[in-house]
Amino acid sequence: MSADYAYWLAALQGERIDLNEATDETTGSTYPEPACGFYRHRRRDGEFDPVAVWRNGDGDLVAKIGGASTVPADSAFSERVFAYACKSPITEDVYRAVMGGADWPEDAPSKDEMRGRAEKRLADEFEPEDPKPSPARKNAPAHIIAEETIKELRAEAEKWLKSIGGKVTTQEQADRAANFGDRFAELEKEAVSTHRKEKEPHLEAGRAVDKAWKPVAALGDENKRWAKKLNTDFLIAEQKKAAAELAKKAAEGAPVKADDVKVKAGTRGRSVSLVTVTNFHCTDADALWDHYKNDPKKRVQMHPDVVKVVAKIATAELNAGLDVPGACLKTEKVAR
């Protein structure tokens, strides 16, 4: 292979050598001369085109970008394509495979391919003997198809992971793993978007009902409580009076019943009466905390709600540069 391919061959090995300088015959300016070889170029839509650069029969540098016609590998090509493509060399085998319709080696299966598999499996699973699936299966709910599509992609990813020994060890494998993650992210985004779209009309209708009726119900509750409180003092006085009469009867030896001391008000619906309610009241926060701080079961310290609140406060103070005994911030590298 001629010296024209030296840059490409070195780039395939991860080496970088300087490109030759060429002169634009029209402007006289110099530019990095495209090097013969095979590359790929990312389009604005994020997809890749295979690129080939070679010398034609006249010895001129020419290039082919994807399925487009051959073009001169001039300054315009260098600025628009090669300046970026030169950083992504590919083998000739990969170039010819992709030009023949194959996927890029690190590509994850497409969503359409996984969705097609999911739809076929659903039809085969529920209509094994019927070559024409019933409308119910042929038109399966979108969420079922989406769920099965994700499962298909996961199965494909696990199959690939097993084929490489269960661990990523090369850049190409790392790229493929990342692309699987990107595919999952696309499916997640579709699910979130569709969920929001389908749910919104119901939420809107629910909000309209809430707006109309919740204030009315709240007003009724507020006035119910107000009306019941009107009787509190009266009922307490009546209960004391009834208790005194009950005590007098008991002293006189007359039979008495516990119900005789009950008092109530109201002749319609639910009557109003006195009830005993027991509510928590903190009298000494420090003493209360000290009591539970020494709990051998650590029911307070390990309670999820307590941990969440303490972590939130401590994180804010640590981020502000303050010292928090028993806590610190830890950094870690994660793939996203």
C-alpha atoms as a PDB file:
ATOM      1  CA  MET A   1       0.000   0.000   0.000  1.00  0.00           C
ATOM      2  CA  SER A   2       1.447   3.395  -1.012  1.00  0.00           C
ATOM      3  CA  ALA A   3       2.650   6.156   1.270  1.00  0.00           C
ATOM      4  CA  ASP A   4      -0.668   7.917   0.600  1.00  0.00           C
ATOM      5  CA  TYR A   5      -2.211   5.562   3.163  1.00  0.00           C
ATOM      6  CA  ALA A   6       0.404   6.129   5.886  1.00  0.00           C
ATOM      7  CA  TYR A   7      -1.781   8.496   7.919  1.00  0.00           C
ATOM      8  CA  TRP A   8      -4.805   6.179   7.783  1.00  0.00           C
ATOM      9  CA  LEU A   9      -2.777   3.077   8.730  1.00  0.00           C
ATOM     10  CA  ALA A  10      -1.198   4.910  11.662  1.00  0.00           C
ATOM     11  CA  ALA A  11      -4.577   6.255  12.787  1.00  0.00           C
ATOM     12  CA  LEU A  12      -6.013   2.735  12.829  1.00  0.00           C
ATOM     13  CA  GLN A  13      -3.288   1.845  15.350  1.00  0.00           C
ATOM     14  CA  GLY A  14      -4.132   4.848  17.500  1.00  0.00           C
ATOM     15  CA  GLU A  15      -1.124   6.845  16.313  1.00  0.00           C
ATOM     16  CA  ARG A  16      -1.258  10.391  15.029  1.00  0.00           C
ATOM     17  CA  ILE A  17       1.069  11.730  12.347  1.00  0.00           C
ATOM     18  CA  ASP A  18       0.969  15.098  10.645  1.00  0.00           C
ATOM     19  CA  LEU A  19      -1.054  15.466   7.470  1.00  0.00           C
ATOM     20  CA  ASN A  20       0.554  16.833   4.341  1.00  0.00           C
ATOM     21  CA  GLU A  21      -0.165  20.442   3.428  1.00  0.00           C
ATOM     22  CA  ALA A  22      -1.845  21.187   0.087  1.00  0.00           C
ATOM     23  CA  THR A  23      -2.393  24.493  -1.703  1.00  0.00           C
ATOM     24  CA  ASP A  24      -5.732  25.659  -3.028  1.00  0.00           C
ATOM     25  CA  GLU A  25      -5.168  26.607  -6.682  1.00  0.00           C
ATOM     26  CA  THR A  26      -7.914  29.234  -6.579  1.00  0.00           C
ATOM     27  CA  THR A  27      -7.131  31.071  -3.356  1.00  0.00           C
ATOM     28  CA  GLY A  28      -3.522  30.078  -2.845  1.00  0.00           C
ATOM     29  CA  SER A  29      -4.224  29.167   0.779  1.00  0.00           C
ATOM     30  CA  THR A  30      -2.942  25.942   2.302  1.00  0.00           C
ATOM     31  CA  TYR A  31      -5.008  23.233   3.948  1.00  0.00           C
ATOM     32  CA  PRO A  32      -4.449  19.734   5.401  1.00  0.00           C
ATOM     33  CA  GLU A  33      -4.427  17.374   2.437  1.00  0.00           C
ATOM     34  CA  PRO A  34      -6.931  14.510   2.852  1.00  0.00           C
ATOM     35  CA  ALA A  35      -5.138  11.196   3.355  1.00  0.00           C
ATOM     36  CA  CYS A  36      -6.131   8.103   1.426  1.00  0.00           C
ATOM     37  CA  GLY A  37      -8.028   5.594   3.520  1.00  0.00           C
ATOM     38  CA  PHE A  38     -11.413   4.881   5.026  1.00  0.00           C
ATOM     39  CA  TYR A  39     -13.161   6.978   7.659  1.00  0.00           C
ATOM     40  CA  ARG A  40     -16.548   7.883   8.964  1.00  0.00           C
ATOM     41  CA  HIS A  41     -18.131  11.292   9.314  1.00  0.00           C
ATOM     42  CA  ARG A  42     -20.924  12.332  11.675  1.00  0.00           C
ATOM     43  CA  ARG A  43     -23.728  14.210   9.976  1.00  0.00           C
ATOM     44  CA  ARG A  44     -25.679  17.002  11.632  1.00  0.00           C
ATOM     45  CA  ASP A  45     -28.511  14.578  12.411  1.00  0.00           C
ATOM     46  CA  GLY A  46     -26.103  12.458  14.457  1.00  0.00           C
ATOM     47  CA  GLU A  47     -25.854   9.567  11.998  1.00  0.00           C
ATOM     48  CA  PHE A  48     -22.587   8.489  10.370  1.00  0.00           C
ATOM     49  CA  ASP A  49     -21.506   8.313   6.728  1.00  0.00           C
ATOM     50  CA  PRO A  50     -18.676   6.040   5.583  1.00  0.00           C
ATOM     51  CA  VAL A  51     -15.985   8.029   3.773  1.00  0.00           C
ATOM     52  CA  ALA A  52     -13.342   6.793   1.342  1.00  0.00           C
ATOM     53  CA  VAL A  53     -10.405   8.812  -0.032  1.00  0.00           C
ATOM     54  CA  TRP A  54      -8.167   7.563  -2.855  1.00  0.00           C
ATOM     55  CA  ARG A  55      -6.307   8.662  -5.969  1.00  0.00           C
ATOM     56  CA  ASN A  56      -8.069   8.151  -9.277  1.00  0.00           C
ATOM     57  CA  GLY A  57      -6.498   7.077 -12.537  1.00  0.00           C
ATOM     58  CA  ASP A  58      -5.202  10.597 -13.150  1.00  0.00           C
ATOM     59  CA  GLY A  59      -3.502  10.689  -9.752  1.00  0.00           C
ATOM     60  CA  ASP A  60      -5.974  13.204  -8.313  1.00  0.00           C
ATOM     61  CA  LEU A  61      -7.333  12.815  -4.781  1.00  0.00           C
ATOM     62  CA  VAL A  62     -11.053  12.057  -4.792  1.00  0.00           C
ATOM     63  CA  ALA A  63     -13.530  11.071  -2.105  1.00  0.00           C
ATOM     64  CA  LYS A  64     -16.859   9.355  -1.687  1.00  0.00           C
ATOM     65  CA  ILE A  65     -19.186  10.217   1.204  1.00  0.00           C
ATOM     66  CA  GLY A  66     -21.790   7.563   1.857  1.00  0.00           C
ATOM     67  CA  GLY A  67     -23.803   6.802  -1.240  1.00  0.00           C
ATOM     68  CA  ALA A  68     -23.153  10.182  -2.859  1.00  0.00           C
ATOM     69  CA  SER A  69     -21.208  10.643  -6.060  1.00  0.00           C
ATOM     70  CA  THR A  70     -17.423  10.881  -6.041  1.00  0.00           C
ATOM     71  CA  VAL A  71     -16.146  14.412  -5.364  1.00  0.00           C
ATOM     72  CA  PRO A  72     -12.695  16.048  -5.500  1.00  0.00           C
ATOM     73  CA  ALA A  73     -10.845  15.742  -2.180  1.00  0.00           C
ATOM     74  CA  ASP A  74     -10.090  19.456  -2.253  1.00  0.00           C
ATOM     75  CA  SER A  75      -9.973  22.238   0.330  1.00  0.00           C
ATOM     76  CA  ALA A  76     -13.772  22.366   0.574  1.00  0.00           C
ATOM     77  CA  PHE A  77     -13.936  18.628   1.281  1.00  0.00           C
ATOM     78  CA  SER A  78     -11.090  18.930   3.776  1.00  0.00           C
ATOM     79  CA  GLU A  79     -12.794  21.743   5.685  1.00  0.00           C
ATOM     80  CA  ARG A  80     -16.316  20.312   5.548  1.00  0.00           C
ATOM     81  CA  VAL A  81     -15.652  16.592   6.033  1.00  0.00           C
ATOM     82  CA  PHE A  82     -12.095  15.381   6.349  1.00  0.00           C
ATOM     83  CA  ALA A  83     -11.130  17.707   9.202  1.00  0.00           C
ATOM     84  CA  TYR A  84     -13.586  15.713  11.326  1.00  0.00           C
ATOM     85  CA  ALA A  85     -13.513  12.311   9.620  1.00  0.00           C
ATOM     86  CA  CYS A  86      -9.722  12.023   9.906  1.00  0.00           C
ATOM     87  CA  LYS A  87     -10.170  11.449  13.657  1.00  0.00           C
ATOM     88  CA  SER A  88     -12.374   8.399  13.030  1.00  0.00           C
ATOM     89  CA  PRO A  89     -10.565   5.890  10.807  1.00  0.00           C
ATOM     90  CA  ILE A  90     -12.260   2.580  10.013  1.00  0.00           C
ATOM     91  CA  THR A  91     -11.056  -0.595   8.369  1.00  0.00           C
ATOM     92  CA  GLU A  92     -11.734  -1.268   4.720  1.00  0.00           C
ATOM     93  CA  ASP A  93     -13.855  -4.274   5.732  1.00  0.00           C
ATOM     94  CA  VAL A  94     -16.085  -2.100   7.903  1.00  0.00           C
ATOM     95  CA  TYR A  95     -16.360   0.491   5.132  1.00  0.00           C
ATOM     96  CA  ARG A  96     -17.467  -2.070   2.565  1.00  0.00           C
ATOM     97  CA  ALA A  97     -19.853  -3.768   4.997  1.00  0.00           C
ATOM     98  CA  VAL A  98     -21.592  -0.495   5.881  1.00  0.00           C
ATOM     99  CA  MET A  99     -21.713   0.547   2.241  1.00  0.00           C
ATOM    100  CA  GLY A 100     -23.376  -2.817   1.615  1.00  0.00           C
ATOM    101  CA  GLY A 101     -26.133  -2.032   4.112  1.00  0.00           C
ATOM    102  CA  ALA A 102     -24.729  -3.432   7.367  1.00  0.00           C
ATOM    103  CA  ASP A 103     -24.904  -1.543  10.668  1.00  0.00           C
ATOM    104  CA  TRP A 104     -21.836   0.019  12.198  1.00  0.00           C
ATOM    105  CA  PRO A 105     -20.078  -2.590  14.397  1.00  0.00           C
ATOM    106  CA  GLU A 106     -20.745  -0.686  17.629  1.00  0.00           C
ATOM    107  CA  ASP A 107     -24.346   0.174  16.801  1.00  0.00           C
ATOM    108  CA  ALA A 108     -27.069  -1.169  19.060  1.00  0.00           C
ATOM    109  CA  PRO A 109     -30.041  -2.720  17.254  1.00  0.00           C
ATOM    110  CA  SER A 110     -32.520  -0.127  16.045  1.00  0.00           C
ATOM    111  CA  LYS A 111     -35.759   0.577  17.876  1.00  0.00           C
ATOM    112  CA  ASP A 112     -37.740  -0.439  14.809  1.00  0.00           C
ATOM    113  CA  GLU A 113     -35.979  -3.804  14.663  1.00  0.00           C
ATOM    114  CA  MET A 114     -36.622  -4.498  18.348  1.00  0.00           C
ATOM    115  CA  ARG A 115     -40.225  -3.317  18.062  1.00  0.00           C
ATOM    116  CA  GLY A 116     -40.759  -5.586  15.066  1.00  0.00           C
ATOM    117  CA  ARG A 117     -39.443  -8.559  17.017  1.00  0.00           C
ATOM    118  CA  ALA A 118     -41.687  -7.710  19.955  1.00  0.00           C
ATOM    119  CA  GLU A 119     -44.790  -7.449  17.785  1.00  0.00           C
ATOM    120  CA  LYS A 120     -44.005 -10.745  16.050  1.00  0.00           C
ATOM    121  CA  ARG A 121     -43.390 -12.537  19.336  1.00  0.00           C
ATOM    122  CA  LEU A 122     -46.630 -11.223  20.800  1.00  0.00           C
ATOM    123  CA  ALA A 123     -48.543 -12.437  17.765  1.00  0.00           C
ATOM    124  CA  ASP A 124     -46.813 -15.844  17.798  1.00  0.00           C
ATOM    125  CA  GLU A 125     -47.288 -16.232  21.534  1.00  0.00           C
ATOM    126  CA  PHE A 126     -50.996 -15.536  21.618  1.00  0.00           C
ATOM    127  CA  GLU A 127     -51.978 -16.832  18.179  1.00  0.00           C
ATOM    128  CA  PRO A 128     -49.599 -19.788  17.577  1.00  0.00           C
ATOM    129  CA  GLU A 129     -51.840 -21.604  15.098  1.00  0.00           C
ATOM    130  CA  ASP A 130     -53.426 -18.642  13.386  1.00  0.00           C
ATOM    131  CA  PRO A 131     -51.377 -17.156  10.517  1.00  0.00           C
ATOM    132  CA  LYS A 132     -53.514 -14.031  10.781  1.00  0.00           C
ATOM    133  CA  PRO A 133     -53.355 -12.710  14.355  1.00  0.00           C
ATOM    134  CA  SER A 134     -56.604 -11.481  15.820  1.00  0.00           C
ATOM    135  CA  PRO A 135     -57.164  -7.713  15.834  1.00  0.00           C
ATOM    136  CA  ALA A 136     -56.664  -7.756  19.599  1.00  0.00           C
ATOM    137  CA  ARG A 137     -53.098  -9.027  19.185  1.00  0.00           C
ATOM    138  CA  LYS A 138     -52.370  -7.378  15.874  1.00  0.00           C
ATOM    139  CA  ASN A 139     -53.289  -4.069  17.447  1.00  0.00           C
ATOM    140  CA  ALA A 140     -51.801  -4.757  20.873  1.00  0.00           C
ATOM    141  CA  PRO A 141     -51.850  -1.835  23.328  1.00  0.00           C
ATOM    142  CA  ALA A 142     -48.958   0.503  22.753  1.00  0.00           C
ATOM    143  CA  HIS A 143     -47.653   0.112  26.293  1.00  0.00           C
ATOM    144  CA  ILE A 144     -47.447  -3.679  25.906  1.00  0.00           C
ATOM    145  CA  ILE A 145     -45.486  -3.352  22.668  1.00  0.00           C
ATOM    146  CA  ALA A 146     -43.207  -0.722  24.235  1.00  0.00           C
ATOM    147  CA  GLU A 147     -42.550  -2.920  27.263  1.00  0.00           C
ATOM    148  CA  GLU A 148     -41.739  -5.938  25.117  1.00  0.00           C
ATOM    149  CA  THR A 149     -39.516  -3.796  22.887  1.00  0.00           C
ATOM    150  CA  ILE A 150     -37.398  -2.841  25.893  1.00  0.00           C
ATOM    151  CA  LYS A 151     -37.211  -6.494  26.934  1.00  0.00           C
ATOM    152  CA  GLU A 152     -36.110  -7.482  23.435  1.00  0.00           C
ATOM    153  CA  LEU A 153     -33.367  -4.864  23.504  1.00  0.00           C
ATOM    154  CA  ARG A 154     -32.228  -6.030  26.950  1.00  0.00           C
ATOM    155  CA  ALA A 155     -32.056  -9.627  25.726  1.00  0.00           C
ATOM    156  CA  GLU A 156     -29.990  -8.512  22.732  1.00  0.00           C
ATOM    157  CA  ALA A 157     -27.668  -6.511  24.993  1.00  0.00           C
ATOM    158  CA  GLU A 158     -27.157  -9.459  27.346  1.00  0.00           C
ATOM    159  CA  LYS A 159     -26.493 -11.754  24.393  1.00  0.00           C
ATOM    160  CA  TRP A 160     -23.832  -9.349  23.130  1.00  0.00           C
ATOM    161  CA  LEU A 161     -22.307  -8.945  26.603  1.00  0.00           C
ATOM    162  CA  LYS A 162     -22.006 -12.714  26.938  1.00  0.00           C
ATOM    163  CA  SER A 163     -20.349 -12.927  23.520  1.00  0.00           C
ATOM    164  CA  ILE A 164     -17.527 -10.601  24.654  1.00  0.00           C
ATOM    165  CA  GLY A 165     -16.909 -12.461  27.897  1.00  0.00           C
ATOM    166  CA  GLY A 166     -19.193 -10.439  30.150  1.00  0.00           C
ATOM    167  CA  LYS A 167     -16.938  -7.384  30.416  1.00  0.00           C
ATOM    168  CA  VAL A 168     -16.137  -4.349  28.269  1.00  0.00           C
ATOM    169  CA  THR A 169     -12.438  -4.316  27.377  1.00  0.00           C
ATOM    170  CA  THR A 170     -12.113  -2.325  24.121  1.00  0.00           C
ATOM    171  CA  GLN A 171     -13.151   1.087  22.842  1.00  0.00           C
ATOM    172  CA  GLU A 172     -15.479  -0.489  20.284  1.00  0.00           C
ATOM    173  CA  GLN A 173     -17.178  -2.497  23.039  1.00  0.00           C
ATOM    174  CA  ALA A 174     -17.434   0.619  25.209  1.00  0.00           C
ATOM    175  CA  ASP A 175     -19.045   2.476  22.315  1.00  0.00           C
ATOM    176  CA  ARG A 176     -21.528  -0.343  21.764  1.00  0.00           C
ATOM    177  CA  ALA A 177     -22.418  -0.491  25.464  1.00  0.00           C
ATOM    178  CA  ALA A 178     -22.987   3.270  25.440  1.00  0.00           C
ATOM    179  CA  ASN A 179     -25.123   2.950  22.313  1.00  0.00           C
ATOM    180  CA  PHE A 180     -27.263   0.312  24.005  1.00  0.00           C
ATOM    181  CA  GLY A 181     -27.759   2.805  26.830  1.00  0.00           C
ATOM    182  CA  ASP A 182     -28.718   5.445  24.286  1.00  0.00           C
ATOM    183  CA  ARG A 183     -31.292   3.096  22.742  1.00  0.00           C
ATOM    184  CA  PHE A 184     -32.803   2.435  26.173  1.00  0.00           C
ATOM    185  CA  ALA A 185     -32.877   6.193  26.794  1.00  0.00           C
ATOM    186  CA  GLU A 186     -34.747   6.734  23.513  1.00  0.00           C
ATOM    187  CA  LEU A 187     -37.337   4.116  24.485  1.00  0.00           C
ATOM    188  CA  GLU A 188     -37.637   5.645  27.947  1.00  0.00           C
ATOM    189  CA  LYS A 189     -38.179   9.087  26.421  1.00  0.00           C
ATOM    190  CA  GLU A 190     -40.884   7.715  24.132  1.00  0.00           C
ATOM    191  CA  ALA A 191     -42.619   6.038  27.086  1.00  0.00           C
ATOM    192  CA  VAL A 192     -42.516   9.190  29.227  1.00  0.00           C
ATOM    193  CA  SER A 193     -43.779  11.339  26.356  1.00  0.00           C
ATOM    194  CA  THR A 194     -46.620   8.965  25.450  1.00  0.00           C
ATOM    195  CA  HIS A 195     -47.589   8.541  29.102  1.00  0.00           C
ATOM    196  CA  ARG A 196     -47.794  12.305  29.554  1.00  0.00           C
ATOM    197  CA  LYS A 197     -49.748  12.743  26.324  1.00  0.00           C
ATOM    198  CA  GLU A 198     -52.298  10.024  27.129  1.00  0.00           C
ATOM    199  CA  LYS A 199     -52.691  11.056  30.752  1.00  0.00           C
ATOM    200  CA  GLU A 200     -53.023  14.805  30.216  1.00  0.00           C
ATOM    201  CA  PRO A 201     -56.705  14.801  29.120  1.00  0.00           C
ATOM    202  CA  HIS A 202     -57.610  12.841  32.248  1.00  0.00           C
ATOM    203  CA  LEU A 203     -55.534  15.134  34.432  1.00  0.00           C
ATOM    204  CA  GLU A 204     -57.114  18.170  32.840  1.00  0.00           C
ATOM    205  CA  ALA A 205     -60.600  16.791  33.414  1.00  0.00           C
ATOM    206  CA  GLY A 206     -59.654  15.839  36.978  1.00  0.00           C
ATOM    207  CA  ARG A 207     -58.258  19.309  37.637  1.00  0.00           C
ATOM    208  CA  ALA A 208     -61.475  20.855  36.366  1.00  0.00           C
ATOM    209  CA  VAL A 209     -63.541  18.668  38.712  1.00  0.00           C
ATOM    210  CA  ASP A 210     -61.192  19.433  41.616  1.00  0.00           C
ATOM    211  CA  LYS A 211     -61.374  23.143  40.900  1.00  0.00           C
ATOM    212  CA  ALA A 212     -65.157  23.031  40.921  1.00  0.00           C
ATOM    213  CA  TRP A 213     -65.784  20.791  43.928  1.00  0.00           C
ATOM    214  CA  LYS A 214     -62.810  20.796  46.290  1.00  0.00           C
ATOM    215  CA  PRO A 215     -63.406  24.382  47.468  1.00  0.00           C
ATOM    216  CA  VAL A 216     -67.052  23.510  48.083  1.00  0.00           C
ATOM    217  CA  ALA A 217     -66.160  20.421  50.113  1.00  0.00           C
ATOM    218  CA  ALA A 218     -63.535  22.389  52.053  1.00  0.00           C
ATOM    219  CA  LEU A 219     -66.079  25.103  52.800  1.00  0.00           C
ATOM    220  CA  GLY A 220     -68.548  22.506  54.031  1.00  0.00           C
ATOM    221  CA  ASP A 221     -65.901  20.911  56.270  1.00  0.00           C
ATOM    222  CA  GLU A 222     -64.840  24.288  57.641  1.00  0.00           C
ATOM    223  CA  ASN A 223     -68.389  25.223  58.569  1.00  0.00           C
ATOM    224  CA  LYS A 224     -69.118  21.741  59.957  1.00  0.00           C
ATOM    225  CA  ARG A 225     -66.221  22.126  62.372  1.00  0.00           C
ATOM    226  CA  TRP A 226     -67.310  25.653  63.242  1.00  0.00           C
ATOM    227  CA  ALA A 227     -70.853  24.512  64.032  1.00  0.00           C
ATOM    228  CA  LYS A 228     -69.646  21.599  66.177  1.00  0.00           C
ATOM    229  CA  LYS A 229     -67.369  23.881  68.184  1.00  0.00           C
ATOM    230  CA  LEU A 230     -70.380  26.029  69.060  1.00  0.00           C
ATOM    231  CA  ASN A 231     -71.567  23.203  71.316  1.00  0.00           C
ATOM    232  CA  THR A 232     -68.290  22.393  73.063  1.00  0.00           C
ATOM    233  CA  ASP A 233     -68.753  24.661  76.101  1.00  0.00           C
ATOM    234  CA  PHE A 234     -72.432  23.773  76.393  1.00  0.00           C
ATOM    235  CA  LEU A 235     -71.814  20.021  76.203  1.00  0.00           C
ATOM    236  CA  ILE A 236     -69.013  20.213  78.785  1.00  0.00           C
ATOM    237  CA  ALA A 237     -71.334  22.062  81.150  1.00  0.00           C
ATOM    238  CA  GLU A 238     -74.118  19.567  80.517  1.00  0.00           C
ATOM    239  CA  GLN A 239     -71.756  16.655  81.107  1.00  0.00           C
ATOM    240  CA  LYS A 240     -70.655  18.127  84.437  1.00  0.00           C
ATOM    241  CA  LYS A 241     -74.290  18.646  85.355  1.00  0.00           C
ATOM    242  CA  ALA A 242     -75.167  15.074  84.395  1.00  0.00           C
ATOM    243  CA  ALA A 243     -72.187  13.758  86.333  1.00  0.00           C
ATOM    244  CA  ALA A 244     -73.274  15.675  89.437  1.00  0.00           C
ATOM    245  CA  GLU A 245     -76.810  14.299  89.172  1.00  0.00           C
ATOM    246  CA  LEU A 246     -75.423  10.801  88.668  1.00  0.00           C
ATOM    247  CA  ALA A 247     -73.259  11.161  91.777  1.00  0.00           C
ATOM    248  CA  LYS A 248     -76.267  12.369  93.776  1.00  0.00           C
ATOM    249  CA  LYS A 249     -78.357   9.375  92.661  1.00  0.00           C
ATOM    250  CA  ALA A 250     -75.562   7.012  93.536  1.00  0.00           C
ATOM    251  CA  ALA A 251     -75.250   8.577  96.982  1.00  0.00           C
ATOM    252  CA  GLU A 252     -78.989   8.084  97.504  1.00  0.00           C
ATOM    253  CA  GLY A 253     -78.615   4.411  96.556  1.00  0.00           C
ATOM    254  CA  ALA A 254     -80.479   4.677  93.266  1.00  0.00           C
ATOM    255  CA  PRO A 255     -79.249   2.500  90.371  1.00  0.00           C
ATOM    256  CA  VAL A 256     -77.155   4.408  87.830  1.00  0.00           C
ATOM    257  CA  LYS A 257     -75.725   3.671  84.381  1.00  0.00           C
ATOM    258  CA  ALA A 258     -72.586   5.014  82.753  1.00  0.00           C
ATOM    259  CA  ASP A 259     -74.645   6.100  79.746  1.00  0.00           C
ATOM    260  CA  ASP A 260     -76.586   8.462  82.013  1.00  0.00           C
ATOM    261  CA  VAL A 261     -73.642  10.874  81.949  1.00  0.00           C
ATOM    262  CA  LYS A 262     -73.500  11.096  78.147  1.00  0.00           C
ATOM    263  CA  VAL A 263     -74.767  14.292  76.545  1.00  0.00           C
ATOM    264  CA  LYS A 264     -75.356  15.130  72.908  1.00  0.00           C
ATOM    265  CA  ALA A 265     -76.862  17.718  70.595  1.00  0.00           C
ATOM    266  CA  GLY A 266     -78.676  17.534  67.300  1.00  0.00           C
ATOM    267  CA  THR A 267     -81.863  15.929  66.033  1.00  0.00           C
ATOM    268  CA  ARG A 268     -80.898  15.389  62.393  1.00  0.00           C
ATOM    269  CA  GLY A 269     -78.142  13.269  60.908  1.00  0.00           C
ATOM    270  CA  ARG A 270     -75.155  12.592  63.071  1.00  0.00           C
ATOM    271  CA  SER A 271     -75.488  14.045  66.552  1.00  0.00           C
ATOM    272  CA  VAL A 272     -72.740  16.049  68.198  1.00  0.00           C
ATOM    273  CA  SER A 273     -71.247  14.687  71.394  1.00  0.00           C
ATOM    274  CA  LEU A 274     -68.079  15.004  73.409  1.00  0.00           C
ATOM    275  CA  VAL A 275     -65.298  12.592  72.549  1.00  0.00           C
ATOM    276  CA  THR A 276     -61.887  12.165  74.089  1.00  0.00           C
ATOM    277  CA  VAL A 277     -58.996  12.520  71.650  1.00  0.00           C
ATOM    278  CA  THR A 278     -55.343  11.851  72.404  1.00  0.00           C
ATOM    279  CA  ASN A 279     -52.773  13.923  70.534  1.00  0.00           C
ATOM    280  CA  PHE A 280     -48.978  13.939  70.742  1.00  0.00           C
ATOM    281  CA  HIS A 281     -47.439  17.058  72.254  1.00  0.00           C
ATOM    282  CA  CYS A 282     -43.697  17.628  72.612  1.00  0.00           C
ATOM    283  CA  THR A 283     -42.777  19.247  75.928  1.00  0.00           C
ATOM    284  CA  ASP A 284     -38.969  18.978  75.644  1.00  0.00           C
ATOM    285  CA  ALA A 285     -37.433  18.300  72.235  1.00  0.00           C
ATOM    286  CA  ASP A 286     -33.922  17.687  73.610  1.00  0.00           C
ATOM    287  CA  ALA A 287     -35.132  15.168  76.182  1.00  0.00           C
ATOM    288  CA  LEU A 288     -37.245  13.430  73.557  1.00  0.00           C
ATOM    289  CA  TRP A 289     -34.296  13.104  71.176  1.00  0.00           C
ATOM    290  CA  ASP A 290     -31.973  11.881  73.938  1.00  0.00           C
ATOM    291  CA  HIS A 291     -34.489   9.170  74.779  1.00  0.00           C
ATOM    292  CA  TYR A 292     -34.652   7.771  71.252  1.00  0.00           C
ATOM    293  CA  LYS A 293     -30.994   8.450  70.476  1.00  0.00           C
ATOM    294  CA  ASN A 294     -30.055   5.613  72.828  1.00  0.00           C
ATOM    295  CA  ASP A 295     -32.665   3.230  71.443  1.00  0.00           C
ATOM    296  CA  PRO A 296     -30.810  -0.080  70.850  1.00  0.00           C
ATOM    297  CA  LYS A 297     -33.053  -0.787  67.860  1.00  0.00           C
ATOM    298  CA  LYS A 298     -32.186   2.614  66.343  1.00  0.00           C
ATOM    299  CA  ARG A 299     -35.763   3.031  65.196  1.00  0.00           C
ATOM    300  CA  VAL A 300     -35.370   6.782  64.836  1.00  0.00           C
ATOM    301  CA  GLN A 301     -31.825   7.036  63.455  1.00  0.00           C
ATOM    302  CA  MET A 302     -32.478   4.433  60.759  1.00  0.00           C
ATOM    303  CA  HIS A 303     -35.986   5.528  59.841  1.00  0.00           C
ATOM    304  CA  PRO A 304     -36.011   6.419  56.097  1.00  0.00           C
ATOM    305  CA  ASP A 305     -37.799   9.724  56.680  1.00  0.00           C
ATOM    306  CA  VAL A 306     -35.315  10.800  59.354  1.00  0.00           C
ATOM    307  CA  VAL A 307     -32.314   9.727  57.267  1.00  0.00           C
ATOM    308  CA  LYS A 308     -33.671  11.617  54.263  1.00  0.00           C
ATOM    309  CA  VAL A 309     -34.220  14.862  56.181  1.00  0.00           C
ATOM    310  CA  VAL A 310     -30.859  14.706  57.974  1.00  0.00           C
ATOM    311  CA  ALA A 311     -29.057  13.872  54.708  1.00  0.00           C
ATOM    312  CA  LYS A 312     -30.684  16.825  52.959  1.00  0.00           C
ATOM    313  CA  ILE A 313     -29.661  19.281  55.681  1.00  0.00           C
ATOM    314  CA  ALA A 314     -26.145  17.832  56.020  1.00  0.00           C
ATOM    315  CA  THR A 315     -25.563  17.839  52.246  1.00  0.00           C
ATOM    316  CA  ALA A 316     -26.529  21.505  52.006  1.00  0.00           C
ATOM    317  CA  GLU A 317     -24.145  22.442  54.824  1.00  0.00           C
ATOM    318  CA  LEU A 318     -21.289  20.330  53.435  1.00  0.00           C
ATOM    319  CA  ASN A 319     -21.746  21.906  50.001  1.00  0.00           C
ATOM    320  CA  ALA A 320     -21.572  25.294  51.723  1.00  0.00           C
ATOM    321  CA  GLY A 321     -18.163  24.370  53.141  1.00  0.00           C
ATOM    322  CA  LEU A 322     -19.296  23.699  56.702  1.00  0.00           C
ATOM    323  CA  ASP A 323     -18.080  20.824  58.861  1.00  0.00           C
ATOM    324  CA  VAL A 324     -20.733  18.266  59.756  1.00  0.00           C
ATOM    325  CA  PRO A 325     -19.601  15.671  62.334  1.00  0.00           C
ATOM    326  CA  GLY A 326     -20.237  12.132  61.173  1.00  0.00           C
ATOM    327  CA  ALA A 327     -20.813  13.067  57.526  1.00  0.00           C
ATOM    328  CA  CYS A 328     -18.835  13.899  54.405  1.00  0.00           C
ATOM    329  CA  LEU A 329     -19.258  14.212  50.649  1.00  0.00           C
ATOM    330  CA  LYS A 330     -17.820  11.464  48.456  1.00  0.00           C
ATOM    331  CA  THR A 331     -17.183  11.719  44.726  1.00  0.00           C
ATOM    332  CA  GLU A 332     -17.348   8.749  42.402  1.00  0.00           C
ATOM    333  CA  LYS A 333     -17.158   8.109  38.699  1.00  0.00           C
ATOM    334  CA  VAL A 334     -20.320   6.755  37.092  1.00  0.00           C
ATOM    335  CA  ALA A 335     -21.198   6.142  33.448  1.00  0.00           C
ATOM    336  CA  ARG A 336     -24.097   8.234  32.189  1.00  0.00           C
END
